[in-house]
Protein backbone atom coordinates (compact mmCIF):
# COMPACT_ATOMS: atom_id res chain seq x y z
CA MET A 1 4.86 0.86 -29.16
CA GLU A 2 3.29 -2.41 -30.20
CA THR A 3 -0.06 -3.82 -29.16
CA THR A 4 -0.67 -7.33 -27.93
CA THR A 5 -3.79 -9.14 -29.11
CA HIS A 6 -5.16 -12.28 -27.52
CA GLY A 7 -4.81 -15.50 -29.39
CA GLY A 8 -1.44 -14.95 -31.09
CA ALA A 9 2.18 -15.04 -30.06
CA THR A 10 3.15 -12.55 -27.42
CA THR A 11 4.25 -9.20 -28.84
CA LEU A 12 6.03 -7.19 -26.17
CA PRO A 13 7.00 -3.53 -26.49
CA GLN A 14 10.36 -3.13 -28.22
CA ARG A 15 11.95 -1.84 -25.01
CA ILE A 16 11.37 -5.19 -23.31
CA THR A 17 14.04 -7.54 -24.59
CA THR A 18 15.12 -11.01 -23.50
CA THR A 19 18.39 -9.44 -22.39
CA LEU A 20 16.55 -7.04 -20.07
CA ILE A 21 14.38 -9.78 -18.59
CA ASP A 22 17.39 -12.05 -18.01
CA ARG A 23 19.32 -9.20 -16.39
CA LEU A 24 16.44 -8.42 -14.04
CA THR A 25 15.74 -12.00 -13.01
CA GLY A 26 19.45 -12.42 -12.37
CA MET A 27 19.13 -9.91 -9.53
CA VAL A 28 17.09 -12.31 -7.39
CA VAL A 29 19.06 -13.83 -4.52
CA ALA A 30 18.89 -17.53 -5.36
CA GLY A 31 22.19 -19.35 -4.96
CA THR A 32 23.10 -23.00 -5.00
CA ALA A 33 20.38 -23.89 -2.54
CA GLY A 34 17.85 -21.89 -4.49
CA GLN A 35 18.70 -23.57 -7.79
CA SER A 36 17.12 -26.79 -6.59
CA ARG A 37 13.75 -25.04 -6.65
CA ALA A 38 11.93 -24.94 -9.97
CA PRO A 39 11.82 -21.39 -11.36
CA TYR A 40 8.51 -19.60 -11.64
CA GLU A 41 7.23 -19.05 -15.17
CA MET A 42 6.27 -15.40 -15.58
CA ILE A 43 3.53 -14.76 -18.09
CA GLU A 44 2.19 -11.82 -20.01
CA VAL A 45 -1.32 -11.49 -18.63
CA TYR A 46 -2.78 -10.30 -21.92
CA THR A 47 -1.98 -13.56 -23.70
CA GLY A 48 -0.89 -16.10 -21.10
CA ALA A 49 2.43 -16.48 -22.95
CA VAL A 50 5.58 -17.15 -20.90
CA VAL A 51 8.03 -14.24 -20.96
CA GLY A 52 10.72 -15.54 -18.63
CA GLU A 53 11.70 -17.66 -15.66
CA LEU A 54 12.03 -16.17 -12.18
CA PRO A 55 14.47 -17.87 -9.79
CA GLN A 56 12.96 -18.94 -6.48
CA SER A 57 14.84 -18.26 -3.27
CA SER A 58 15.32 -20.83 -0.55
CA PRO A 59 15.30 -20.04 3.18
CA GLU A 60 19.11 -20.20 3.04
CA ASP A 61 19.08 -17.63 0.23
CA VAL A 62 16.87 -15.33 2.30
CA ALA A 63 19.20 -15.58 5.28
CA ALA A 64 22.20 -14.83 3.03
CA ALA A 65 20.40 -11.82 1.52
CA ALA A 66 19.64 -10.50 4.99
CA GLU A 67 23.27 -10.89 6.05
CA ARG A 68 24.52 -8.95 3.01
CA ALA A 69 22.01 -6.16 3.53
CA ARG A 70 22.95 -5.88 7.22
CA ALA A 71 26.63 -5.57 6.38
CA ALA A 72 25.91 -2.76 3.91
CA GLN A 73 23.49 -1.06 6.31
CA ARG A 74 26.15 -0.24 8.87
CA GLU A 75 28.04 2.02 6.47
CA TRP A 76 24.81 3.47 5.04
CA ALA A 77 23.51 4.39 8.50
CA SER A 78 26.76 6.21 9.29
CA ARG A 79 26.10 8.67 6.45
CA SER A 80 24.26 11.90 7.09
CA VAL A 81 20.62 12.13 6.09
CA LYS A 82 21.64 14.74 3.52
CA SER A 83 24.11 12.33 1.95
CA ARG A 84 21.51 9.57 1.75
CA LEU A 85 19.02 11.94 0.16
CA GLU A 86 21.45 12.76 -2.64
CA VAL A 87 20.96 9.20 -3.91
CA PHE A 88 17.20 9.66 -4.02
CA ALA A 89 17.43 13.01 -5.77
CA ARG A 90 19.16 11.14 -8.61
CA ALA A 91 16.65 8.29 -8.37
CA HIS A 92 13.78 10.77 -8.73
CA GLU A 93 15.04 11.84 -12.16
CA LEU A 94 15.91 8.30 -13.26
CA LEU A 95 12.41 7.06 -12.44
CA LEU A 96 10.87 9.84 -14.50
CA ALA A 97 13.22 9.19 -17.40
CA GLU A 98 12.37 5.46 -17.41
CA LEU A 99 8.61 5.86 -16.93
CA ASP A 100 7.67 4.08 -20.16
CA THR A 101 9.80 1.02 -19.49
CA ILE A 102 8.46 0.82 -15.95
CA ALA A 103 4.91 0.97 -17.29
CA ASP A 104 5.68 -1.78 -19.83
CA LEU A 105 6.91 -4.09 -17.08
CA ILE A 106 3.91 -3.31 -14.88
CA GLN A 107 1.52 -4.14 -17.71
CA ILE A 108 3.25 -7.41 -18.54
CA GLY A 109 2.69 -8.75 -15.04
CA CYS A 110 -0.62 -7.05 -14.12
CA GLY A 111 -2.50 -6.54 -17.37
CA LYS A 112 -3.66 -3.11 -16.24
CA THR A 113 -4.28 -0.23 -18.62
CA ARG A 114 -1.47 2.00 -19.83
CA ARG A 115 -2.87 5.03 -18.04
CA MET A 116 -3.06 3.15 -14.75
CA ALA A 117 0.47 1.78 -15.22
CA ILE A 118 1.83 5.29 -15.81
CA GLU A 119 0.00 6.60 -12.75
CA GLU A 120 1.44 3.76 -10.68
CA SER A 121 4.94 4.54 -11.98
CA CYS A 122 4.60 8.09 -10.64
CA ASP A 123 3.84 7.08 -7.04
CA PRO A 124 7.43 6.45 -5.89
CA VAL A 125 8.42 9.73 -7.53
CA MET A 126 5.86 11.55 -5.38
CA VAL A 127 7.03 9.73 -2.24
CA ILE A 128 10.68 10.54 -2.96
CA SER A 129 9.82 14.18 -3.63
CA HIS A 130 8.01 14.44 -0.30
CA TYR A 131 10.86 12.99 1.74
CA LEU A 132 13.52 14.94 -0.13
CA LYS A 133 11.77 18.00 1.26
CA HIS A 134 10.93 16.77 4.76
CA ALA A 135 13.23 13.89 5.81
CA GLU A 136 15.96 16.00 7.39
CA ARG A 137 13.38 17.78 9.55
CA ILE A 138 11.63 14.53 10.51
CA LEU A 139 14.81 12.67 11.45
CA LYS A 140 16.55 15.58 13.18
CA PRO A 141 17.00 15.14 16.95
CA ILE A 142 14.49 17.16 18.95
CA ARG A 143 15.56 18.77 22.22
CA ARG A 144 12.86 18.70 24.86
CA GLY A 145 12.54 19.86 28.44
CA GLY A 146 13.62 17.72 31.33
CA ALA A 147 12.02 17.14 34.69
CA MET A 148 13.70 20.24 36.12
CA PRO A 149 13.99 23.40 33.97
CA VAL A 150 17.53 24.47 33.10
CA ILE A 151 19.07 21.79 35.31
CA SER A 152 17.93 18.84 33.14
CA SER A 153 16.91 18.20 29.54
CA SER A 154 16.07 15.33 27.22
CA ALA A 155 16.40 14.79 23.49
CA GLU A 156 14.48 12.58 21.06
CA HIS A 157 16.74 10.78 18.58
CA HIS A 158 15.68 8.48 15.73
CA ARG A 159 17.96 5.60 14.79
CA PRO A 160 17.36 3.15 11.94
CA LYS A 161 15.96 -0.18 13.02
CA GLY A 162 18.51 -2.09 10.97
CA LEU A 163 16.96 -4.43 8.41
CA VAL A 164 13.43 -3.97 7.05
CA ALA A 165 11.49 -6.68 5.23
CA VAL A 166 9.17 -5.25 2.58
CA ILE A 167 6.60 -7.76 1.33
CA ALA A 168 4.78 -6.27 -1.65
CA PRO A 169 1.53 -7.29 -3.41
CA TRP A 170 0.74 -7.90 -7.07
CA ASN A 171 -1.93 -5.23 -7.61
CA PHE A 172 0.37 -2.17 -7.45
CA PRO A 173 3.69 -4.01 -7.50
CA PHE A 174 5.97 -1.15 -8.48
CA ALA A 175 4.35 1.63 -6.47
CA ILE A 176 4.12 -0.27 -3.21
CA SER A 177 7.43 -2.13 -3.33
CA ILE A 178 9.48 0.96 -4.14
CA SER A 179 7.42 3.52 -2.20
CA ASP A 180 7.61 1.39 0.95
CA SER A 181 11.33 0.71 0.53
CA VAL A 182 12.33 4.33 -0.08
CA PRO A 183 11.52 5.73 3.41
CA ALA A 184 13.08 2.68 5.05
CA LEU A 185 16.28 3.36 3.12
CA ILE A 186 16.20 7.11 3.75
CA ALA A 187 15.90 6.37 7.47
CA GLY A 188 19.19 4.46 7.25
CA ASN A 189 18.00 0.86 7.04
CA GLY A 190 18.84 -2.02 4.75
CA VAL A 191 15.96 -3.71 2.92
CA VAL A 192 15.14 -7.24 1.84
CA LEU A 193 12.30 -6.94 -0.65
CA LYS A 194 9.95 -9.77 -1.60
CA PRO A 195 7.72 -8.98 -4.58
CA ASP A 196 4.93 -11.23 -5.79
CA ASN A 197 6.17 -13.75 -8.35
CA LYS A 198 3.61 -12.69 -10.94
CA THR A 199 4.70 -9.06 -11.01
CA ALA A 200 8.36 -9.15 -10.00
CA LEU A 201 9.83 -7.67 -13.21
CA CYS A 202 8.79 -4.07 -12.56
CA THR A 203 10.00 -4.27 -8.96
CA LEU A 204 13.38 -5.60 -10.05
CA TYR A 205 13.70 -2.77 -12.54
CA GLY A 206 12.93 -0.27 -9.78
CA VAL A 207 15.71 -1.75 -7.65
CA GLU A 208 18.08 -1.57 -10.62
CA LEU A 209 17.28 2.14 -11.01
CA LEU A 210 17.90 2.79 -7.30
CA ARG A 211 21.28 1.11 -7.59
CA ARG A 212 22.01 3.08 -10.75
CA ALA A 213 21.28 6.24 -8.74
CA GLY A 214 24.02 5.31 -6.30
CA LEU A 215 22.34 3.14 -3.68
CA PRO A 216 24.91 0.63 -2.37
CA ARG A 217 24.32 -2.61 -4.25
CA ASP A 218 24.04 -4.89 -1.23
CA LEU A 219 21.83 -2.50 0.75
CA ILE A 220 18.64 -3.65 -0.98
CA GLN A 221 18.23 -7.35 -1.74
CA VAL A 222 15.42 -9.08 -3.63
CA VAL A 223 14.16 -12.56 -2.78
CA CYS A 224 11.36 -14.39 -4.57
CA GLY A 225 9.16 -17.30 -3.69
CA ALA A 226 5.82 -18.32 -2.29
CA GLY A 227 5.00 -16.70 1.05
CA PRO A 228 5.05 -19.89 3.12
CA ASP A 229 8.44 -20.84 1.62
CA VAL A 230 10.38 -17.64 2.24
CA GLY A 231 8.22 -15.51 4.56
CA PRO A 232 9.11 -17.08 7.92
CA THR A 233 12.85 -16.83 7.32
CA LEU A 234 12.49 -13.29 6.04
CA ILE A 235 10.63 -12.17 9.18
CA ASP A 236 13.00 -14.05 11.49
CA ASN A 237 15.99 -12.23 9.98
CA SER A 238 14.47 -8.74 10.04
CA ASP A 239 14.01 -5.93 12.55
CA TYR A 240 10.75 -4.62 11.06
CA VAL A 241 8.19 -5.82 8.53
CA MET A 242 6.16 -3.80 6.03
CA PHE A 243 3.40 -5.88 4.43
CA THR A 244 0.56 -5.09 2.05
CA GLY A 245 -1.95 -7.80 1.23
CA SER A 246 -4.80 -9.84 2.61
CA THR A 247 -6.04 -9.72 6.18
CA ALA A 248 -5.51 -13.47 6.58
CA THR A 249 -1.84 -13.25 5.60
CA GLY A 250 -1.45 -10.08 7.66
CA ARG A 251 -2.50 -11.96 10.79
CA THR A 252 0.13 -14.64 10.13
CA ILE A 253 2.85 -12.02 9.60
CA GLY A 254 1.78 -10.04 12.65
CA GLU A 255 1.85 -13.14 14.84
CA ARG A 256 5.37 -14.07 13.77
CA ALA A 257 6.61 -10.50 14.14
CA GLY A 258 5.12 -10.45 17.63
CA ARG A 259 6.91 -13.64 18.60
CA ASN A 260 10.16 -12.04 17.46
CA LEU A 261 9.32 -8.81 19.34
CA ILE A 262 9.73 -6.70 16.21
CA GLY A 263 7.36 -4.09 14.83
CA CYS A 264 5.27 -4.36 11.70
CA SER A 265 3.05 -2.20 9.54
CA LEU A 266 0.22 -4.02 7.78
CA GLU A 267 -2.08 -2.56 5.13
CA LEU A 268 -4.75 -5.20 4.62
CA GLY A 269 -8.12 -5.74 2.97
CA GLY A 270 -11.22 -3.60 2.71
CA LYS A 271 -14.92 -3.72 1.93
CA ASN A 272 -15.09 -0.03 1.28
CA PRO A 273 -18.38 1.91 1.23
CA MET A 274 -19.45 4.98 -0.72
CA LEU A 275 -22.36 7.17 0.45
CA VAL A 276 -24.15 9.31 -2.13
CA LEU A 277 -26.25 11.94 -0.36
CA GLU A 278 -29.43 13.41 -1.80
CA ASP A 279 -27.72 16.74 -2.59
CA ALA A 280 -24.77 15.16 -4.45
CA ASN A 281 -23.97 16.46 -7.92
CA LEU A 282 -24.32 13.36 -10.10
CA ASP A 283 -22.27 14.99 -12.85
CA ASP A 284 -19.33 14.66 -10.47
CA VAL A 285 -20.39 11.47 -8.71
CA ILE A 286 -20.73 9.21 -11.75
CA PRO A 287 -17.18 9.56 -13.17
CA GLY A 288 -15.79 9.56 -9.63
CA ALA A 289 -17.63 6.37 -8.75
CA ILE A 290 -16.63 4.68 -12.01
CA PHE A 291 -12.96 5.21 -11.18
CA ALA A 292 -13.37 4.36 -7.50
CA VAL A 293 -15.05 1.04 -8.36
CA PHE A 294 -13.44 -0.03 -11.62
CA GLY A 295 -10.01 1.65 -11.59
CA ASN A 296 -7.32 -1.02 -11.94
CA SER A 297 -10.23 -3.39 -12.68
CA GLY A 298 -11.23 -3.16 -9.03
CA GLN A 299 -7.91 -4.54 -7.80
CA ALA A 300 -7.12 -1.85 -5.24
CA CYS A 301 -7.30 -2.21 -1.47
CA MET A 302 -9.13 1.11 -1.24
CA HIS A 303 -11.54 0.63 -4.13
CA ILE A 304 -15.30 0.82 -3.53
CA GLU A 305 -17.36 -2.39 -3.32
CA ARG A 306 -20.56 -1.02 -1.69
CA ILE A 307 -22.51 2.08 -2.75
CA TYR A 308 -25.34 3.50 -0.62
CA VAL A 309 -27.48 5.95 -2.59
CA HIS A 310 -30.23 8.17 -1.16
CA ASP A 311 -33.71 7.33 -2.35
CA ARG A 312 -34.19 10.76 -3.99
CA VAL A 313 -31.32 10.23 -6.45
CA HIS A 314 -31.15 6.44 -6.47
CA ASP A 315 -32.91 5.70 -9.76
CA GLU A 316 -31.10 8.42 -11.70
CA PHE A 317 -27.77 7.36 -10.19
CA VAL A 318 -28.36 3.73 -11.16
CA ARG A 319 -29.35 4.62 -14.71
CA ARG A 320 -26.31 6.80 -15.30
CA PHE A 321 -23.88 4.56 -13.42
CA VAL A 322 -24.91 1.44 -15.35
CA SER A 323 -24.61 3.31 -18.65
CA ALA A 324 -21.13 4.60 -17.72
CA ALA A 325 -20.00 1.11 -16.66
CA GLU A 326 -21.13 -0.32 -19.98
CA GLN A 327 -19.28 2.41 -21.86
CA LEU A 328 -16.16 1.63 -19.83
CA GLY A 329 -16.46 -2.07 -20.56
CA ALA A 330 -16.69 -1.34 -24.27
CA THR A 331 -13.17 0.15 -24.13
CA ALA A 332 -11.60 -3.02 -22.67
CA GLY A 333 -8.51 -4.16 -24.49
CA ALA A 334 -5.19 -5.96 -24.21
CA SER A 335 -2.84 -3.24 -25.32
CA TYR A 336 0.29 -1.32 -24.42
CA THR A 337 -1.23 1.82 -25.90
CA ALA A 338 -3.38 4.32 -23.98
CA ASP A 339 -6.53 3.40 -25.93
CA PRO A 340 -8.18 0.88 -23.56
CA GLU A 341 -9.65 2.38 -20.41
CA PHE A 342 -10.42 -0.98 -18.80
CA GLY A 343 -7.83 -3.70 -18.35
CA SER A 344 -7.37 -7.30 -17.32
CA LEU A 345 -7.41 -8.96 -13.94
CA VAL A 346 -4.02 -10.19 -12.82
CA SER A 347 -4.56 -13.88 -13.55
CA VAL A 348 -7.08 -16.47 -14.65
CA GLU A 349 -7.05 -17.84 -11.10
CA HIS A 350 -8.03 -14.47 -9.66
CA MET A 351 -10.65 -13.93 -12.37
CA LYS A 352 -12.28 -17.21 -11.34
CA ARG A 353 -12.42 -16.06 -7.70
CA VAL A 354 -14.13 -12.83 -8.73
CA ALA A 355 -16.58 -14.72 -10.95
CA ALA A 356 -17.35 -17.11 -8.09
CA HIS A 357 -18.50 -14.18 -5.92
CA VAL A 358 -20.84 -12.98 -8.66
CA ASP A 359 -22.16 -16.47 -9.39
CA ASP A 360 -22.79 -17.06 -5.69
CA ALA A 361 -24.74 -13.81 -5.40
CA VAL A 362 -26.85 -14.55 -8.47
CA ALA A 363 -27.60 -18.09 -7.28
CA LYS A 364 -28.87 -16.66 -3.99
CA GLY A 365 -31.13 -14.04 -5.60
CA ALA A 366 -29.01 -11.01 -6.52
CA THR A 367 -29.65 -9.14 -9.77
CA VAL A 368 -26.94 -8.28 -12.30
CA LEU A 369 -27.61 -4.83 -13.77
CA THR A 370 -24.66 -5.08 -16.13
CA GLY A 371 -21.61 -7.28 -16.63
CA GLY A 372 -21.21 -10.54 -14.77
CA LYS A 373 -19.25 -12.41 -17.43
CA ALA A 374 -15.66 -13.28 -18.29
CA ARG A 375 -14.32 -11.99 -21.61
CA PRO A 376 -11.88 -14.59 -22.97
CA ASP A 377 -12.32 -13.03 -26.40
CA ILE A 378 -10.26 -10.07 -25.15
CA GLY A 379 -7.80 -11.91 -22.93
CA PRO A 380 -7.67 -14.93 -20.63
CA ALA A 381 -8.23 -12.95 -17.40
CA PHE A 382 -10.67 -10.22 -18.48
CA TYR A 383 -13.95 -9.81 -16.57
CA GLU A 384 -16.67 -7.26 -17.31
CA PRO A 385 -17.44 -4.25 -15.08
CA THR A 386 -20.26 -5.66 -12.95
CA ILE A 387 -23.03 -3.97 -10.95
CA LEU A 388 -25.28 -5.92 -8.59
CA THR A 389 -28.40 -5.17 -6.57
CA GLY A 390 -30.31 -7.28 -4.09
CA VAL A 391 -27.15 -8.54 -2.38
CA THR A 392 -27.95 -9.92 1.07
CA ALA A 393 -25.86 -10.95 4.06
CA GLU A 394 -25.59 -14.65 3.18
CA MET A 395 -23.86 -13.88 -0.12
CA ASP A 396 -20.04 -13.86 -0.22
CA HIS A 397 -19.89 -10.49 -1.98
CA ALA A 398 -21.86 -8.85 0.83
CA THR A 399 -19.09 -9.16 3.41
CA VAL A 400 -15.97 -10.69 1.84
CA GLU A 401 -13.54 -8.59 -0.17
CA THR A 402 -14.07 -9.44 -3.85
CA PHE A 403 -11.13 -7.40 -5.15
CA GLY A 404 -12.42 -7.12 -8.67
CA PRO A 405 -14.67 -5.00 -10.91
CA VAL A 406 -17.82 -5.78 -8.92
CA VAL A 407 -19.97 -3.43 -6.84
CA THR A 408 -23.36 -3.57 -5.13
CA ILE A 409 -25.78 -0.63 -4.97
CA TYR A 410 -28.07 -0.20 -1.95
CA ARG A 411 -30.92 2.29 -1.53
CA TYR A 412 -31.33 4.25 1.72
CA THR A 413 -33.60 6.96 3.12
CA ASP A 414 -32.20 7.60 6.60
CA GLU A 415 -28.70 9.01 6.98
CA ASN A 416 -28.11 7.31 10.32
CA GLU A 417 -29.04 3.96 8.84
CA ALA A 418 -26.68 4.54 5.90
CA VAL A 419 -23.81 5.25 8.29
CA ARG A 420 -24.68 2.16 10.32
CA GLN A 421 -24.64 -0.04 7.23
CA ALA A 422 -21.41 1.51 5.97
CA ASN A 423 -19.77 0.66 9.30
CA ALA A 424 -21.27 -2.86 9.44
CA THR A 425 -18.06 -4.59 8.38
CA THR A 426 -14.98 -6.00 10.06
CA TYR A 427 -12.86 -3.88 7.69
CA GLY A 428 -11.99 -0.21 8.04
CA LEU A 429 -9.67 0.91 5.27
CA ASN A 430 -11.50 3.47 3.15
CA ALA A 431 -14.85 5.25 2.82
CA SER A 432 -16.25 7.86 0.43
CA ILE A 433 -18.93 10.54 0.85
CA TRP A 434 -20.47 12.62 -1.94
CA SER A 435 -22.34 15.82 -1.07
CA THR A 436 -22.38 19.50 -2.07
CA ASP A 437 -22.66 20.36 1.64
CA LEU A 438 -19.05 19.98 2.78
CA ALA A 439 -19.79 20.74 6.42
CA ARG A 440 -22.39 17.99 6.51
CA ALA A 441 -20.05 15.58 4.74
CA GLU A 442 -17.30 16.30 7.26
CA ARG A 443 -19.68 15.60 10.14
CA MET A 444 -20.53 12.27 8.54
CA ALA A 445 -16.83 11.55 8.02
CA ASP A 446 -16.35 11.74 11.79
CA ARG A 447 -18.84 8.87 12.16
CA LEU A 448 -17.38 6.51 9.57
CA GLU A 449 -15.09 3.75 10.79
CA ALA A 450 -12.28 3.90 8.26
CA GLY A 451 -8.64 4.95 8.26
CA ASN A 452 -9.21 7.01 5.11
CA VAL A 453 -12.35 9.03 4.40
CA ASN A 454 -12.65 10.81 1.07
CA ILE A 455 -15.18 13.58 0.49
CA ASN A 456 -16.25 14.01 -3.13
CA ASP A 457 -13.63 11.50 -4.20
CA GLY A 458 -13.24 7.72 -4.12
CA PHE A 459 -9.76 7.17 -2.72
CA VAL A 460 -7.20 9.31 -4.56
CA ALA A 461 -7.62 12.39 -2.33
CA THR A 462 -6.30 10.54 0.72
CA TYR A 463 -3.77 8.18 -0.84
CA SER A 464 -2.11 10.84 -2.98
CA ALA A 465 -1.65 13.15 0.04
CA LYS A 466 1.88 12.05 0.86
CA THR A 467 2.11 14.54 3.74
CA THR A 468 -0.62 12.76 5.72
CA PRO A 469 -0.35 9.22 7.16
CA SER A 470 -2.60 6.65 5.48
CA GLY A 471 -3.62 3.28 6.90
CA GLY A 472 -6.47 1.08 8.00
CA ILE A 473 -8.32 0.42 11.25
CA LYS A 474 -10.24 -2.61 12.52
CA GLN A 475 -9.27 -5.66 10.40
CA SER A 476 -7.79 -3.48 7.66
CA GLY A 477 -4.41 -3.15 9.21
CA VAL A 478 -1.93 -1.80 11.72
CA GLY A 479 0.25 1.25 11.20
CA THR A 480 0.44 3.77 8.37
CA ARG A 481 2.50 4.83 5.39
CA HIS A 482 3.24 8.41 4.18
CA GLY A 483 3.71 11.55 6.24
CA ASP A 484 6.10 11.86 9.18
CA ALA A 485 4.83 8.57 10.62
CA GLY A 486 5.63 6.74 7.39
CA LEU A 487 9.32 7.55 7.89
CA LEU A 488 9.55 7.39 11.67
CA LYS A 489 8.07 3.88 11.82
CA TYR A 490 11.35 2.63 10.35
CA THR A 491 13.29 4.07 13.29
CA ASP A 492 13.74 3.40 17.00
CA THR A 493 13.10 6.44 19.19
CA ILE A 494 15.95 6.98 21.65
CA ASN A 495 15.59 9.25 24.67
CA VAL A 496 18.86 10.89 25.73
CA GLY A 497 18.54 12.62 29.11
CA VAL A 498 21.01 15.10 30.58
CA GLN A 499 21.23 16.23 34.22
CA LYS A 500 23.61 19.13 34.94
CA LYS A 501 23.22 18.95 38.72
CA GLN A 502 22.27 15.97 40.85
CA VAL A 503 18.83 17.05 41.98
CA LEU A 504 16.62 14.20 40.77
CA SER A 505 18.17 11.34 42.73
CA ALA A 506 17.35 10.64 46.38
CA ARG A 507 19.32 12.89 48.76
CA SER A 508 20.52 10.67 51.56
CA ALA A 509 21.68 13.60 53.66
CA MET A 510 18.17 15.12 53.72
CA PRO A 511 15.57 13.73 56.14
CA PHE A 512 12.74 12.00 54.25
CA ASP A 513 10.01 14.33 55.62
CA LYS A 514 11.92 17.36 54.43
CA GLN A 515 12.59 15.74 51.06
CA LEU A 516 8.87 14.95 50.61
CA LYS A 517 7.89 18.50 51.50
CA SER A 518 10.38 19.88 48.99
CA THR A 519 9.12 17.52 46.26
CA LEU A 520 5.47 18.46 46.77
CA MET A 521 6.27 22.15 46.76
CA THR A 522 8.27 21.80 43.55
CA LEU A 523 5.45 19.89 41.82
CA ARG A 524 2.83 22.48 42.82
CA LEU A 525 5.03 25.39 41.79
CA SER A 526 5.85 23.78 38.44
CA ARG A 527 2.16 23.37 37.72
CA ARG A 528 1.28 26.94 38.81
CA LEU A 529 4.04 28.43 36.68
CA ARG A 530 3.15 26.11 33.76
CA ILE A 531 6.70 24.88 33.64
CA ARG A 532 5.29 21.48 32.71
């Protein structure tokens, strides 16, 4: 495996050939109408060098992709769940076999470290494994009691919605695009997938592997383009939307889905807090906090941007945390090897947004304990792990999601005040508590306003638990992924009722007074006998 260094010609891993890139970009639905749009130049983040051109889809291309996926979906939905799962059993092994190539393609578009790219590559494998075990149970019709025992019954059936639009972000482009598509497909739907332009290569390779595993070719379509160009048509031609990204874009998608009377699941932004209690074991907290803040260079919806540390351990925490951040920063590198432990931001544009938050805070009186500078000597989009103190409400970083390797530390003495400050945000995606008293930490967890609360962990404990639904509250989203709910959201619930004898309809031959007396007696008896 070769290493890329900034300043020279791009040197991609030997697995990544021009032939592979051309084959992948050729999968994008972009016909005659789409050819009039200038292609997007994909770059290798480490160097800024162009690695290929990505076709851009037109609204007409999106509509055509949706039509093809719908046609294929009808046959796919007619298969048994067991038959559909056989495809994903093969996909599970293919994804594992191609892990290195997947990681290469992730790194090209994201600039993240090799270790993080490998971990991301494993996420769809975990999701597939979970649903291979549980999907038949989840989707199986459930017989339930009717209004009258024995005489009537009802059954809960789950039918695929039809066509699902999956709009994936750039920060975990492979994990989210494939892991969100898989349950939609298992449920019997077709998918039109829109990756971010910057990171489309790994997503396209994932789709190729699904097709290689036996997924009908037309069942999953890929369209590319800027959100405003292709998003409206994509939503208008879908029966459900799965989106991961910013809160602002999520509102736009939710509004359009609402006008179309279709459902949507939105995982949006966060300004996630961590609370370090006075009894926390700092030997565990420091490495946990380093990953929670700086993993993926801070480009994770659930990463920590605010740390509240009890006065008794504050100074020692700060000393050790700053030292660990500086050690992490010293490992930064632009490489396809596992040596660097800290990677690049996704683009120069995004790096400038992160830097602007830090510069704004410093100009208004915040203190930089470490970091706070771009590192063009390593790569065009590198930015140092940064720790701030003295951040106040008028600073952008205090309330707005920075989405980079920047965190603020706050001192507290009163637990109630720490909880109040942690909840003082419009977001509610993730929170973290560190304490050796688990019972106390669980009581605090009940008071935190977040869809995910991790005890003695930053965010991995909740997100990696594929059996449990994960999502945001407040302005951090609507709906969940993972667990039973993460599969059922892609279905319509159908109630099939059966009445063996006509006892529920009005009996015209019976006087109304007698009918009312009979009804009341039946209701009281049913309650007394706990029939319902």
